[in-house]
Amino acid sequence: MDELDARVNQLSQLVFNDDVKAAVEDILSKAPNPETCGTADQKIRAYLLRARAKLLLPVFSKEAELEINKALKLNQKAPDTWVTLSEAYWRRNALREARDALDSALRVDPKHQGALTQYSRILRSMCSAPDTPNDQKLVLLKESEDKAREAVAVNPEDGDAWSVLGVAILQQAVGKGMELPLMKKSLAALNQACTKIPTNPDVYFNRAVVHGVFGHFGAAVADYVKAYELDPKGLKRARTVAEEYTTLLVKLHKKLVAGFGGMTERDFSKNIASKLPAKGKDGSQIFVSLMDVLDKHITVNKDNNQVQWVAVKVLDLVSSPNEQPLAYYVIDKEGTSCLLLAYRVTSAAIKIGDTVMVPFPPSSAANLGHQLPDIPMFDVKAINITAPTMVVEPSTLIVNGSPIPAKCFQMPQLGTRQFQ
């Protein structure tokens, strides 16, 4: 059975396809009948071999669950068996039973990495119930993070544990309204996962999601393309988003090269510059240029918490209207154009032609580099650009003289791969 067990272990690391299906069928045809095995240990191995092979298939197998329970009747002190039972329960969405099975595994071995990693996944899945309040989801997600951190501590070289940790933190960040410091921690964990399990498409997909949140669109494209190449059948969404971000960068590149937002200097002066406030104090507000912000020339009066504002005109929405964040192409009075990244709002919050006043702080700005490689599938040549980028807090923006209406705010959602 050693050879068959090794094949199951190898297949568990692959994306399911017809070859995996054929291999599973071959393993099951060669697996011994547990009832004819001589010793209890041999029976347990045979039951688990058959069950684990069946769990590689995308459909739920009641037979697998029964075989695992038969193995447990022979020995309840094997944590691996409890973890396998948890997987079977999870397949039929019996999440509480799956968690109970993992509790049994951890009572036998509190530092069993497989149980800790699986526990983190199960807790994440429990958050998906539509009637679960958001505060309860955050409690479950924090516990999911804790279990994943325990798994990483047991073996820091295990990429699966790092991947689970990254997604647990990512979902917390989304649940807290796109909290960027948590996103940075998620990215760090997913970087570790990509290094340690470079053939797993899910980790590239999830890292691409985080890159997109930060406006690292070139890096996001590279990861989405990698994920799609590793799993073209299961990750068609990766190709779609990669193409959307590629279109964004090509469009942005053309606009930056053209200057003045793609207008003549005369049209810019007439239609944009003349309608934006000049630098300096205007009533109770102090206006600065985008270059002042990028060059860190702004100061804050700590005595009265006086913020300073950058006023921009919205020229285009360069991202998909359903993306998070929304990426707008804007320009200030001096003709400096940049990307404005807005989270937690619908595309109705900021529209093309709007005048937006951005306060510093809490907003931040930096020059972000975007390296887009040659992508034959999109017929795109390599692009290397640097784009000034503002990350804003939507609740502090003034759009056409008014704050953004409450109806335009939404709870962000990100399409991560959370299955494994």
Foldseek 3Di string as FASTA:
>chain_A
DVVLVVVLVVLVLADDDPVLVVSLVVSLVPQDDLVPDDDLVSSLVSLQSNLSSVLSDLAQDPSSLVSLVVNCVSPLLALVSLQSNLSNCVSVPVLVSSLVSLVSSCVNPVQDLSSLLVQLLSLQVVLPPPPDDLVVNLVSLVSSLVSLVSSCVSPVLDLSSLLSNLVSLVVNCLSVFNPPVSLVVSLVSLVSSCVRSVLALQSLQQNLLSCVQVVQLQSSLVSLVSSCVSPVPPRVVSVVQSLLSVQLVVVVVVQVVCFLRVDDPVCSQVPPLVPADDAQDDPLAGEDEPVCQAVVVDDADPVVRHWHKFKWAFAAFSGPQQDAFTWTWIAGNVRAIAIETEGQFGQVQDDHGKIKIATPPPKHKYWDWHWHPDDVVSRDHIDIDIGIYIYGYQQPMQINNHRGDPVGGHRDDTDHDSPD
